[in-house]
PDB file of N, CA and C in Angstrom:
ATOM      1  N   UNK A   1     -50.832 160.040 279.101  1.00  0.00           N
ATOM      2  CA  UNK A   1     -49.796 160.268 278.037  1.00  0.00           C
ATOM      3  C   UNK A   1     -48.566 158.991 278.327  1.00  0.00           C
ATOM      4  N   UNK A   2     -48.385 159.359 279.477  1.00  0.00           N
ATOM      5  CA  UNK A   2     -47.211 158.136 279.989  1.00  0.00           C
ATOM      6  C   UNK A   2     -47.370 156.941 279.956  1.00  0.00           C
ATOM      7  N   UNK A   3     -48.542 156.336 280.711  1.00  0.00           N
ATOM      8  CA  UNK A   3     -48.930 154.892 280.556  1.00  0.00           C
ATOM      9  C   UNK A   3     -49.133 154.553 278.991  1.00  0.00           C
ATOM     10  N   UNK A   4     -49.985 155.230 278.254  1.00  0.00           N
ATOM     11  CA  UNK A   4     -51.041 154.846 277.027  1.00  0.00           C
ATOM     12  C   UNK A   4     -50.075 155.239 275.965  1.00  0.00           C
ATOM     13  N   UNK A   5     -49.414 156.335 275.741  1.00  0.00           N
ATOM     14  CA  UNK A   5     -48.666 156.838 274.689  1.00  0.00           C
ATOM     15  C   UNK A   5     -47.273 157.117 274.916  1.00  0.00           C
ATOM     16  N   UNK A   6     -46.550 156.468 276.104  1.00  0.00           N
ATOM     17  CA  UNK A   6     -45.091 156.359 275.942  1.00  0.00           C
ATOM     18  C   UNK A   6     -44.367 157.517 276.177  1.00  0.00           C
ATOM     19  N   UNK A   7     -45.067 158.641 276.708  1.00  0.00           N
ATOM     20  CA  UNK A   7     -44.217 159.604 276.949  1.00  0.00           C
ATOM     21  C   UNK A   7     -43.579 159.527 278.114  1.00  0.00           C
ATOM     22  N   UNK A   8     -42.321 159.669 278.077  1.00  0.00           N
ATOM     23  CA  UNK A   8     -41.230 159.585 279.512  1.00  0.00           C
ATOM     24  C   UNK A   8     -41.511 160.857 280.487  1.00  0.00           C
ATOM     25  N   UNK A   9     -42.002 160.319 281.509  1.00  0.00           N
ATOM     26  CA  UNK A   9     -42.069 160.912 282.830  1.00  0.00           C
ATOM     27  C   UNK A   9     -41.082 161.990 283.220  1.00  0.00           C
ATOM     28  N   UNK A  10     -39.925 161.437 282.854  1.00  0.00           N
ATOM     29  CA  UNK A  10     -38.911 162.455 283.301  1.00  0.00           C
ATOM     30  C   UNK A  10     -38.470 163.569 282.319  1.00  0.00           C
ATOM     31  N   UNK A  11     -39.440 163.497 280.723  1.00  0.00           N
ATOM     32  CA  UNK A  11     -39.226 164.423 279.895  1.00  0.00           C
ATOM     33  C   UNK A  11     -40.173 165.572 279.582  1.00  0.00           C
ATOM     34  N   UNK A  12     -41.379 165.070 280.990  1.00  0.00           N
ATOM     35  CA  UNK A  12     -42.488 166.035 281.225  1.00  0.00           C
ATOM     36  C   UNK A  12     -41.849 167.379 281.859  1.00  0.00           C
ATOM     37  N   UNK A  13     -42.065 168.485 281.408  1.00  0.00           N
ATOM     38  CA  UNK A  13     -42.325 169.529 282.301  1.00  0.00           C
ATOM     39  C   UNK A  13     -43.618 170.396 282.235  1.00  0.00           C
ATOM     40  N   UNK A  14     -43.809 170.498 283.502  1.00  0.00           N
ATOM     41  CA  UNK A  14     -45.254 171.152 283.861  1.00  0.00           C
ATOM     42  C   UNK A  14     -45.166 172.607 284.453  1.00  0.00           C
ATOM     43  N   UNK A  15     -45.929 173.272 283.701  1.00  0.00           N
ATOM     44  CA  UNK A  15     -45.788 174.958 284.049  1.00  0.00           C
ATOM     45  C   UNK A  15     -44.562 175.610 283.977  1.00  0.00           C
ATOM     46  N   UNK A  16     -43.658 175.118 283.114  1.00  0.00           N
ATOM     47  CA  UNK A  16     -42.251 175.400 282.623  1.00  0.00           C
ATOM     48  C   UNK A  16     -42.193 177.116 282.493  1.00  0.00           C
ATOM     49  N   UNK A  17     -41.426 177.828 283.270  1.00  0.00           N
ATOM     50  CA  UNK A  17     -40.861 179.085 282.590  1.00  0.00           C
ATOM     51  C   UNK A  17     -40.253 178.778 281.192  1.00  0.00           C
ATOM     52  N   UNK A  18     -40.979 179.968 280.075  1.00  0.00           N
ATOM     53  CA  UNK A  18     -40.334 179.693 278.870  1.00  0.00           C
ATOM     54  C   UNK A  18     -39.243 180.666 278.816  1.00  0.00           C
ATOM     55  N   UNK A  19     -38.761 181.599 279.560  1.00  0.00           N
ATOM     56  CA  UNK A  19     -37.687 182.060 279.373  1.00  0.00           C
ATOM     57  C   UNK A  19     -36.521 181.209 280.069  1.00  0.00           C
ATOM     58  N   UNK A  20     -36.933 180.183 280.567  1.00  0.00           N
ATOM     59  CA  UNK A  20     -35.767 179.338 281.425  1.00  0.00           C
ATOM     60  C   UNK A  20     -35.146 178.276 280.304  1.00  0.00           C
ATOM     61  N   UNK A  21     -35.996 178.286 278.929  1.00  0.00           N
ATOM     62  CA  UNK A  21     -35.501 177.350 278.163  1.00  0.00           C
ATOM     63  C   UNK A  21     -33.932 177.554 277.569  1.00  0.00           C
ATOM     64  N   UNK A  22     -33.012 176.890 276.980  1.00  0.00           N
ATOM     65  CA  UNK A  22     -31.980 177.192 276.939  1.00  0.00           C
ATOM     66  C   UNK A  22     -31.558 178.259 275.738  1.00  0.00           C
ATOM     67  N   UNK A  23     -32.506 177.907 274.654  1.00  0.00           N
ATOM     68  CA  UNK A  23     -32.514 178.470 273.562  1.00  0.00           C
ATOM     69  C   UNK A  23     -33.103 179.726 273.760  1.00  0.00           C
ATOM     70  N   UNK A  24     -33.968 180.226 274.767  1.00  0.00           N
ATOM     71  CA  UNK A  24     -34.636 181.187 274.845  1.00  0.00           C
ATOM     72  C   UNK A  24     -34.058 182.605 275.073  1.00  0.00           C
ATOM     73  N   UNK A  25     -34.322 183.647 274.039  1.00  0.00           N
ATOM     74  CA  UNK A  25     -33.420 184.765 274.254  1.00  0.00           C
ATOM     75  C   UNK A  25     -34.620 186.085 274.852  1.00  0.00           C
ATOM     76  N   UNK A  26     -35.624 185.680 275.388  1.00  0.00           N
ATOM     77  CA  UNK A  26     -36.461 187.042 275.704  1.00  0.00           C
ATOM     78  C   UNK A  26     -36.893 186.532 277.073  1.00  0.00           C
ATOM     79  N   UNK A  27     -37.123 187.642 277.756  1.00  0.00           N
ATOM     80  CA  UNK A  27     -37.508 187.747 279.155  1.00  0.00           C
ATOM     81  C   UNK A  27     -38.867 188.064 279.131  1.00  0.00           C
ATOM     82  N   UNK A  28     -39.395 186.672 279.971  1.00  0.00           N
ATOM     83  CA  UNK A  28     -40.975 186.911 280.055  1.00  0.00           C
ATOM     84  C   UNK A  28     -41.524 186.283 281.307  1.00  0.00           C
ATOM     85  N   UNK A  29     -42.614 186.649 281.744  1.00  0.00           N
ATOM     86  CA  UNK A  29     -43.055 185.746 282.801  1.00  0.00           C
ATOM     87  C   UNK A  29     -43.960 184.689 282.590  1.00  0.00           C
ATOM     88  N   UNK A  30     -44.097 184.796 281.251  1.00  0.00           N
ATOM     89  CA  UNK A  30     -45.092 183.381 280.749  1.00  0.00           C
ATOM     90  C   UNK A  30     -44.368 181.813 280.828  1.00  0.00           C
ATOM     91  N   UNK A  31     -45.404 180.911 281.186  1.00  0.00           N
ATOM     92  CA  UNK A  31     -45.034 179.700 281.382  1.00  0.00           C
ATOM     93  C   UNK A  31     -45.884 178.899 280.263  1.00  0.00           C
ATOM     94  N   UNK A  32     -45.219 177.667 279.926  1.00  0.00           N
ATOM     95  CA  UNK A  32     -45.990 176.808 279.337  1.00  0.00           C
ATOM     96  C   UNK A  32     -46.514 175.557 279.925  1.00  0.00           C
ATOM     97  N   UNK A  33     -47.655 175.368 279.846  1.00  0.00           N
ATOM     98  CA  UNK A  33     -48.601 174.592 280.649  1.00  0.00           C
ATOM     99  C   UNK A  33     -47.962 173.108 280.659  1.00  0.00           C
ATOM    100  N   UNK A  34     -47.564 172.664 279.545  1.00  0.00           N
ATOM    101  CA  UNK A  34     -46.904 171.393 279.525  1.00  0.00           C
ATOM    102  C   UNK A  34     -45.600 171.330 278.274  1.00  0.00           C
ATOM    103  N   UNK A  35     -44.611 170.883 278.561  1.00  0.00           N
ATOM    104  CA  UNK A  35     -43.496 170.550 277.394  1.00  0.00           C
ATOM    105  C   UNK A  35     -43.275 169.369 277.690  1.00  0.00           C
ATOM    106  N   UNK A  36     -43.032 168.521 276.303  1.00  0.00           N
ATOM    107  CA  UNK A  36     -42.442 167.306 276.499  1.00  0.00           C
ATOM    108  C   UNK A  36     -41.064 167.419 275.738  1.00  0.00           C
ATOM    109  N   UNK A  37     -40.107 166.820 276.421  1.00  0.00           N
ATOM    110  CA  UNK A  37     -38.891 166.968 275.492  1.00  0.00           C
ATOM    111  C   UNK A  37     -38.248 165.661 275.135  1.00  0.00           C
ATOM    112  N   UNK A  38     -37.234 165.970 274.042  1.00  0.00           N
ATOM    113  CA  UNK A  38     -36.734 164.807 273.635  1.00  0.00           C
ATOM    114  C   UNK A  38     -35.558 165.140 273.507  1.00  0.00           C
ATOM    115  N   UNK A  39     -34.251 164.404 272.916  1.00  0.00           N
ATOM    116  CA  UNK A  39     -33.166 164.412 272.550  1.00  0.00           C
ATOM    117  C   UNK A  39     -32.923 164.828 270.744  1.00  0.00           C
ATOM    118  N   UNK A  40     -32.182 165.927 270.656  1.00  0.00           N
ATOM    119  CA  UNK A  40     -32.259 166.197 268.990  1.00  0.00           C
ATOM    120  C   UNK A  40     -30.936 165.598 269.011  1.00  0.00           C
ATOM    121  N   UNK A  41     -30.722 165.750 267.789  1.00  0.00           N
ATOM    122  CA  UNK A  41     -29.403 164.822 266.685  1.00  0.00           C
ATOM    123  C   UNK A  41     -27.911 164.944 267.808  1.00  0.00           C
ATOM    124  N   UNK A  42     -28.061 166.329 268.468  1.00  0.00           N
ATOM    125  CA  UNK A  42     -26.680 166.511 269.178  1.00  0.00           C
ATOM    126  C   UNK A  42     -26.933 165.811 270.215  1.00  0.00           C
ATOM    127  N   UNK A  43     -27.816 165.037 271.089  1.00  0.00           N
ATOM    128  CA  UNK A  43     -28.006 164.601 272.223  1.00  0.00           C
ATOM    129  C   UNK A  43     -28.488 165.710 273.089  1.00  0.00           C
ATOM    130  N   UNK A  44     -28.945 166.703 272.981  1.00  0.00           N
ATOM    131  CA  UNK A  44     -29.436 167.821 273.772  1.00  0.00           C
ATOM    132  C   UNK A  44     -30.632 167.627 273.896  1.00  0.00           C
ATOM    133  N   UNK A  45     -31.533 167.888 274.996  1.00  0.00           N
ATOM    134  CA  UNK A  45     -32.723 167.781 275.164  1.00  0.00           C
ATOM    135  C   UNK A  45     -33.503 169.178 274.491  1.00  0.00           C
ATOM    136  N   UNK A  46     -34.176 169.164 274.028  1.00  0.00           N
ATOM    137  CA  UNK A  46     -34.847 170.017 273.004  1.00  0.00           C
ATOM    138  C   UNK A  46     -36.711 169.615 272.957  1.00  0.00           C
ATOM    139  N   UNK A  47     -37.506 170.664 273.009  1.00  0.00           N
ATOM    140  CA  UNK A  47     -38.637 170.632 273.223  1.00  0.00           C
ATOM    141  C   UNK A  47     -39.434 169.950 271.654  1.00  0.00           C
ATOM    142  N   UNK A  48     -40.094 168.866 272.308  1.00  0.00           N
ATOM    143  CA  UNK A  48     -40.760 168.141 271.278  1.00  0.00           C
ATOM    144  C   UNK A  48     -42.098 168.633 271.162  1.00  0.00           C
ATOM    145  N   UNK A  49     -42.775 168.901 272.226  1.00  0.00           N
ATOM    146  CA  UNK A  49     -44.121 169.195 272.001  1.00  0.00           C
ATOM    147  C   UNK A  49     -44.676 170.086 272.943  1.00  0.00           C
ATOM    148  N   UNK A  50     -45.191 171.037 272.659  1.00  0.00           N
ATOM    149  CA  UNK A  50     -45.668 172.051 273.577  1.00  0.00           C
ATOM    150  C   UNK A  50     -47.148 171.913 273.856  1.00  0.00           C
ATOM    151  N   UNK A  51     -47.856 172.213 275.070  1.00  0.00           N
ATOM    152  CA  UNK A  51     -48.975 171.827 275.178  1.00  0.00           C
ATOM    153  C   UNK A  51     -49.975 172.592 275.785  1.00  0.00           C
ATOM    154  N   UNK A  52     -51.056 173.284 275.242  1.00  0.00           N
ATOM    155  CA  UNK A  52     -51.750 174.283 276.063  1.00  0.00           C
ATOM    156  C   UNK A  52     -52.802 173.546 276.334  1.00  0.00           C
ATOM    157  N   UNK A  53     -53.286 173.932 277.573  1.00  0.00           N
ATOM    158  CA  UNK A  53     -54.618 173.348 278.419  1.00  0.00           C
ATOM    159  C   UNK A  53     -55.505 174.494 278.648  1.00  0.00           C
ATOM    160  N   UNK A  54     -56.764 174.171 277.999  1.00  0.00           N
ATOM    161  CA  UNK A  54     -57.651 175.540 277.964  1.00  0.00           C
ATOM    162  C   UNK A  54     -59.097 175.196 278.708  1.00  0.00           C
ATOM    163  N   UNK A  55     -59.380 175.909 279.269  1.00  0.00           N
ATOM    164  CA  UNK A  55     -60.909 175.715 280.346  1.00  0.00           C
ATOM    165  C   UNK A  55     -62.433 176.165 279.189  1.00  0.00           C
ATOM    166  N   UNK A  56     -61.840 176.605 278.038  1.00  0.00           N
ATOM    167  CA  UNK A  56     -63.028 177.347 277.084  1.00  0.00           C
ATOM    168  C   UNK A  56     -62.602 176.275 275.675  1.00  0.00           C
ATOM    169  N   UNK A  57     -63.656 176.962 274.994  1.00  0.00           N
ATOM    170  CA  UNK A  57     -63.711 176.011 273.576  1.00  0.00           C
ATOM    171  C   UNK A  57     -62.514 176.640 272.865  1.00  0.00           C
ATOM    172  N   UNK A  58     -61.930 175.612 272.195  1.00  0.00           N
ATOM    173  CA  UNK A  58     -60.742 176.191 271.167  1.00  0.00           C
ATOM    174  C   UNK A  58     -61.082 176.915 269.739  1.00  0.00           C
ATOM    175  N   UNK A  59     -60.806 177.925 269.877  1.00  0.00           N
ATOM    176  CA  UNK A  59     -61.054 178.719 268.535  1.00  0.00           C
ATOM    177  C   UNK A  59     -59.445 179.220 267.814  1.00  0.00           C
ATOM    178  N   UNK A  60     -59.701 179.822 266.675  1.00  0.00           N
ATOM    179  CA  UNK A  60     -58.493 180.037 265.961  1.00  0.00           C
ATOM    180  C   UNK A  60     -57.620 180.988 266.545  1.00  0.00           C
ATOM    181  N   UNK A  61     -58.220 182.051 267.745  1.00  0.00           N
ATOM    182  CA  UNK A  61     -57.467 182.707 268.485  1.00  0.00           C
ATOM    183  C   UNK A  61     -56.586 181.879 269.564  1.00  0.00           C
ATOM    184  N   UNK A  62     -56.944 180.859 270.082  1.00  0.00           N
ATOM    185  CA  UNK A  62     -56.288 179.973 270.825  1.00  0.00           C
ATOM    186  C   UNK A  62     -55.261 179.281 270.131  1.00  0.00           C
ATOM    187  N   UNK A  63     -55.207 179.064 268.807  1.00  0.00           N
ATOM    188  CA  UNK A  63     -54.314 178.433 267.890  1.00  0.00           C
ATOM    189  C   UNK A  63     -53.165 179.482 267.563  1.00  0.00           C
ATOM    190  N   UNK A  64     -53.616 180.656 267.515  1.00  0.00           N
ATOM    191  CA  UNK A  64     -52.710 181.768 267.056  1.00  0.00           C
ATOM    192  C   UNK A  64     -51.682 182.298 268.326  1.00  0.00           C
ATOM    193  N   UNK A  65     -52.719 182.181 269.769  1.00  0.00           N
ATOM    194  CA  UNK A  65     -51.769 182.027 270.974  1.00  0.00           C
ATOM    195  C   UNK A  65     -50.832 181.184 270.915  1.00  0.00           C
ATOM    196  N   UNK A  66     -51.280 179.813 270.568  1.00  0.00           N
ATOM    197  CA  UNK A  66     -49.912 179.022 270.971  1.00  0.00           C
ATOM    198  C   UNK A  66     -49.056 178.976 270.128  1.00  0.00           C
ATOM    199  N   UNK A  67     -49.238 179.287 268.796  1.00  0.00           N
ATOM    200  CA  UNK A  67     -47.987 179.145 267.656  1.00  0.00           C
ATOM    201  C   UNK A  67     -47.245 180.609 268.344  1.00  0.00           C
ATOM    202  N   UNK A  68     -47.891 181.822 268.846  1.00  0.00           N
ATOM    203  CA  UNK A  68     -46.843 182.574 269.379  1.00  0.00           C
ATOM    204  C   UNK A  68     -46.253 182.091 270.092  1.00  0.00           C
ATOM    205  N   UNK A  69     -46.578 181.585 271.185  1.00  0.00           N
ATOM    206  CA  UNK A  69     -45.820 181.119 272.475  1.00  0.00           C
ATOM    207  C   UNK A  69     -44.650 179.895 271.534  1.00  0.00           C
ATOM    208  N   UNK A  70     -45.046 179.082 270.682  1.00  0.00           N
ATOM    209  CA  UNK A  70     -43.874 178.442 270.231  1.00  0.00           C
ATOM    210  C   UNK A  70     -42.922 178.901 269.339  1.00  0.00           C
ATOM    211  N   UNK A  71     -43.001 180.256 268.904  1.00  0.00           N
ATOM    212  CA  UNK A  71     -41.962 180.916 267.991  1.00  0.00           C
ATOM    213  C   UNK A  71     -40.914 181.229 269.043  1.00  0.00           C
ATOM    214  N   UNK A  72     -41.330 181.104 270.414  1.00  0.00           N
ATOM    215  CA  UNK A  72     -39.978 180.872 271.453  1.00  0.00           C
ATOM    216  C   UNK A  72     -39.463 179.549 272.164  1.00  0.00           C
ATOM    217  N   UNK A  73     -40.620 178.843 272.596  1.00  0.00           N
ATOM    218  CA  UNK A  73     -40.436 177.568 272.645  1.00  0.00           C
ATOM    219  C   UNK A  73     -39.886 176.661 271.760  1.00  0.00           C
ATOM    220  N   UNK A  74     -39.876 176.751 270.523  1.00  0.00           N
ATOM    221  CA  UNK A  74     -39.566 176.030 269.134  1.00  0.00           C
ATOM    222  C   UNK A  74     -39.940 174.510 269.251  1.00  0.00           C
ATOM    223  N   UNK A  75     -41.205 174.116 269.820  1.00  0.00           N
ATOM    224  CA  UNK A  75     -41.117 172.657 270.014  1.00  0.00           C
ATOM    225  C   UNK A  75     -41.633 172.172 268.223  1.00  0.00           C
ATOM    226  N   UNK A  76     -41.421 171.170 267.932  1.00  0.00           N
ATOM    227  CA  UNK A  76     -41.593 170.741 266.555  1.00  0.00           C
ATOM    228  C   UNK A  76     -43.160 170.641 266.411  1.00  0.00           C
ATOM    229  N   UNK A  77     -43.724 170.488 267.731  1.00  0.00           N
ATOM    230  CA  UNK A  77     -45.550 170.319 267.450  1.00  0.00           C
ATOM    231  C   UNK A  77     -45.902 170.876 268.513  1.00  0.00           C
ATOM    232  N   UNK A  78     -47.479 171.212 268.490  1.00  0.00           N
ATOM    233  CA  UNK A  78     -47.716 172.014 269.625  1.00  0.00           C
ATOM    234  C   UNK A  78     -49.060 171.372 269.476  1.00  0.00           C
ATOM    235  N   UNK A  79     -49.630 171.079 270.881  1.00  0.00           N
ATOM    236  CA  UNK A  79     -51.271 170.449 270.968  1.00  0.00           C
ATOM    237  C   UNK A  79     -51.882 171.476 271.506  1.00  0.00           C
ATOM    238  N   UNK A  80     -53.212 171.724 271.578  1.00  0.00           N
ATOM    239  CA  UNK A  80     -54.453 172.503 272.183  1.00  0.00           C
ATOM    240  C   UNK A  80     -54.967 171.532 272.709  1.00  0.00           C
ATOM    241  N   UNK A  81     -55.865 171.525 273.764  1.00  0.00           N
ATOM    242  CA  UNK A  81     -56.594 170.716 274.482  1.00  0.00           C
ATOM    243  C   UNK A  81     -57.471 171.222 275.313  1.00  0.00           C
ATOM    244  N   UNK A  82     -58.881 170.914 275.608  1.00  0.00           N
ATOM    245  CA  UNK A  82     -59.516 171.302 276.586  1.00  0.00           C
ATOM    246  C   UNK A  82     -60.325 169.942 276.943  1.00  0.00           C
ATOM    247  N   UNK A  83     -61.463 169.885 277.647  1.00  0.00           N
ATOM    248  CA  UNK A  83     -61.962 168.852 278.114  1.00  0.00           C
ATOM    249  C   UNK A  83     -62.977 167.935 277.291  1.00  0.00           C
ATOM    250  N   UNK A  84     -62.931 168.709 276.071  1.00  0.00           N
ATOM    251  CA  UNK A  84     -63.601 167.545 275.051  1.00  0.00           C
ATOM    252  C   UNK A  84     -62.746 167.443 273.815  1.00  0.00           C
ATOM    253  N   UNK A  85     -61.896 168.534 273.593  1.00  0.00           N
ATOM    254  CA  UNK A  85     -61.133 168.872 272.381  1.00  0.00           C
ATOM    255  C   UNK A  85     -59.823 168.166 272.627  1.00  0.00           C
ATOM    256  N   UNK A  86     -58.991 167.716 271.312  1.00  0.00           N
ATOM    257  CA  UNK A  86     -57.443 167.803 271.303  1.00  0.00           C
ATOM    258  C   UNK A  86     -57.262 167.888 269.744  1.00  0.00           C
ATOM    259  N   UNK A  87     -56.375 168.656 269.511  1.00  0.00           N
ATOM    260  CA  UNK A  87     -55.583 169.247 268.415  1.00  0.00           C
ATOM    261  C   UNK A  87     -54.273 169.030 268.487  1.00  0.00           C
ATOM    262  N   UNK A  88     -53.312 168.019 267.643  1.00  0.00           N
ATOM    263  CA  UNK A  88     -52.052 168.596 267.613  1.00  0.00           C
ATOM    264  C   UNK A  88     -51.532 168.633 266.173  1.00  0.00           C
ATOM    265  N   UNK A  89     -50.591 170.127 266.373  1.00  0.00           N
ATOM    266  CA  UNK A  89     -50.313 170.815 265.041  1.00  0.00           C
ATOM    267  C   UNK A  89     -48.860 170.753 264.829  1.00  0.00           C
ATOM    268  N   UNK A  90     -48.508 171.317 263.383  1.00  0.00           N
ATOM    269  CA  UNK A  90     -46.919 171.326 263.154  1.00  0.00           C
ATOM    270  C   UNK A  90     -47.321 172.251 261.837  1.00  0.00           C
ATOM    271  N   UNK A  91     -45.979 173.130 261.581  1.00  0.00           N
ATOM    272  CA  UNK A  91     -46.126 173.571 260.378  1.00  0.00           C
ATOM    273  C   UNK A  91     -45.390 173.258 259.309  1.00  0.00           C
ATOM    274  N   UNK A  92     -45.794 172.857 258.221  1.00  0.00           N
ATOM    275  CA  UNK A  92     -45.153 172.073 256.921  1.00  0.00           C
ATOM    276  C   UNK A  92     -44.320 173.293 256.650  1.00  0.00           C
ATOM    277  N   UNK A  93     -43.413 172.609 255.660  1.00  0.00           N
ATOM    278  CA  UNK A  93     -42.523 173.509 255.064  1.00  0.00           C
ATOM    279  C   UNK A  93     -43.053 175.103 254.299  1.00  0.00           C
ATOM    280  N   UNK A  94     -44.192 174.870 253.830  1.00  0.00           N
ATOM    281  CA  UNK A  94     -44.561 176.423 253.494  1.00  0.00           C
ATOM    282  C   UNK A  94     -45.124 177.211 254.814  1.00  0.00           C
ATOM    283  N   UNK A  95     -45.012 176.536 255.812  1.00  0.00           N
ATOM    284  CA  UNK A  95     -45.501 177.116 257.095  1.00  0.00           C
ATOM    285  C   UNK A  95     -46.833 177.314 257.503  1.00  0.00           C
ATOM    286  N   UNK A  96     -47.417 176.559 256.914  1.00  0.00           N
ATOM    287  CA  UNK A  96     -48.887 176.492 256.838  1.00  0.00           C
ATOM    288  C   UNK A  96     -48.763 175.311 258.311  1.00  0.00           C
ATOM    289  N   UNK A  97     -50.217 175.586 258.876  1.00  0.00           N
ATOM    290  CA  UNK A  97     -50.848 174.785 259.902  1.00  0.00           C
ATOM    291  C   UNK A  97     -51.096 173.302 259.505  1.00  0.00           C
ATOM    292  N   UNK A  98     -50.793 172.210 259.952  1.00  0.00           N
ATOM    293  CA  UNK A  98     -51.388 171.040 259.646  1.00  0.00           C
ATOM    294  C   UNK A  98     -51.765 170.458 261.391  1.00  0.00           C
ATOM    295  N   UNK A  99     -52.923 169.807 261.140  1.00  0.00           N
ATOM    296  CA  UNK A  99     -53.557 169.724 262.411  1.00  0.00           C
ATOM    297  C   UNK A  99     -54.179 168.061 262.354  1.00  0.00           C
ATOM    298  N   UNK A 100     -54.294 167.681 263.418  1.00  0.00           N
ATOM    299  CA  UNK A 100     -54.969 166.260 263.513  1.00  0.00           C
ATOM    300  C   UNK A 100     -55.850 166.337 264.864  1.00  0.00           C
ATOM    301  N   UNK A 101     -56.636 165.532 264.994  1.00  0.00           N
ATOM    302  CA  UNK A 101     -57.538 165.553 266.486  1.00  0.00           C
ATOM    303  C   UNK A 101     -57.403 164.349 267.310  1.00  0.00           C
ATOM    304  N   UNK A 102     -55.888 164.130 267.424  1.00  0.00           N
ATOM    305  CA  UNK A 102     -55.370 163.417 268.430  1.00  0.00           C
ATOM    306  C   UNK A 102     -54.151 163.940 268.913  1.00  0.00           C
ATOM    307  N   UNK A 103     -53.721 163.037 270.115  1.00  0.00           N
ATOM    308  CA  UNK A 103     -52.472 163.030 270.361  1.00  0.00           C
ATOM    309  C   UNK A 103     -51.360 161.671 270.131  1.00  0.00           C
ATOM    310  N   UNK A 104     -50.588 161.976 269.228  1.00  0.00           N
ATOM    311  CA  UNK A 104     -49.798 160.873 268.543  1.00  0.00           C
ATOM    312  C   UNK A 104     -48.813 160.575 270.007  1.00  0.00           C
ATOM    313  N   UNK A 105     -48.306 159.052 269.632  1.00  0.00           N
ATOM    314  CA  UNK A 105     -47.724 158.525 270.940  1.00  0.00           C
ATOM    315  C   UNK A 105     -46.121 159.314 270.587  1.00  0.00           C
ATOM    316  N   UNK A 106     -45.346 159.265 271.707  1.00  0.00           N
ATOM    317  CA  UNK A 106     -44.349 159.787 272.125  1.00  0.00           C
ATOM    318  C   UNK A 106     -43.414 159.291 270.636  1.00  0.00           C
ATOM    319  N   UNK A 107     -43.202 158.292 270.114  1.00  0.00           N
ATOM    320  CA  UNK A 107     -42.583 157.331 269.370  1.00  0.00           C
ATOM    321  C   UNK A 107     -43.152 157.867 268.062  1.00  0.00           C
ATOM    322  N   UNK A 108     -44.210 158.644 267.907  1.00  0.00           N
ATOM    323  CA  UNK A 108     -44.438 158.690 266.610  1.00  0.00           C
ATOM    324  C   UNK A 108     -44.057 160.166 266.535  1.00  0.00           C
ATOM    325  N   UNK A 109     -44.091 160.991 267.115  1.00  0.00           N
ATOM    326  CA  UNK A 109     -43.792 162.131 267.330  1.00  0.00           C
ATOM    327  C   UNK A 109     -42.098 162.207 267.187  1.00  0.00           C
ATOM    328  N   UNK A 110     -41.082 161.477 267.760  1.00  0.00           N
ATOM    329  CA  UNK A 110     -39.952 161.591 267.492  1.00  0.00           C
ATOM    330  C   UNK A 110     -39.613 160.906 266.112  1.00  0.00           C
ATOM    331  N   UNK A 111     -40.223 159.988 265.560  1.00  0.00           N
ATOM    332  CA  UNK A 111     -40.211 159.450 264.118  1.00  0.00           C
ATOM    333  C   UNK A 111     -40.481 160.748 262.734  1.00  0.00           C
ATOM    334  N   UNK A 112     -41.265 161.544 263.472  1.00  0.00           N
ATOM    335  CA  UNK A 112     -41.994 162.502 262.480  1.00  0.00           C
ATOM    336  C   UNK A 112     -40.995 163.622 262.452  1.00  0.00           C
ATOM    337  N   UNK A 113     -40.129 164.085 264.006  1.00  0.00           N
ATOM    338  CA  UNK A 113     -39.223 165.348 264.102  1.00  0.00           C
ATOM    339  C   UNK A 113     -37.868 164.910 263.548  1.00  0.00           C
ATOM    340  N   UNK A 114     -37.591 163.652 263.911  1.00  0.00           N
ATOM    341  CA  UNK A 114     -36.129 163.446 263.601  1.00  0.00           C
ATOM    342  C   UNK A 114     -35.925 162.259 262.532  1.00  0.00           C
ATOM    343  N   UNK A 115     -37.056 161.861 261.964  1.00  0.00           N
ATOM    344  CA  UNK A 115     -36.913 160.784 260.649  1.00  0.00           C
ATOM    345  C   UNK A 115     -36.370 159.438 261.201  1.00  0.00           C
TER     346      UNK A 115
END
C-alpha cells in the first residue's frame, strides 16, 4: 500500500478503536483493522478508507458487517480483503453499494472523494 499505491504511512492506523474517532458518538470496544486517513476540505484528518481483513471467504455477511462499521467510521470507501480476494466499495447517491476488485491508489481515492 505504501510503496506501490502511495498511501502515506503517517496516515494509516492499524487496529484503531472506533470510538476514538473524533466524530464517533458511540461507545464500543470494536476496532477497525485499518483506517487510511486524508485531510478533508477543512484540513482536518478524516477517514478515507476503512479496511477489514478476513481469514475466511468474503460473503455478503462480511460486506454487511463492514458497512455497519462504516456507519460509525464514515469513511468514503471501504475495502474487504482476505488472502485471495480484495473488494473496494462505496455507496453511490442512491445508497447502493458499488464494488471494484482491487485497491485504488491513494491519489485515486482522494480525487474520487474530494473531486
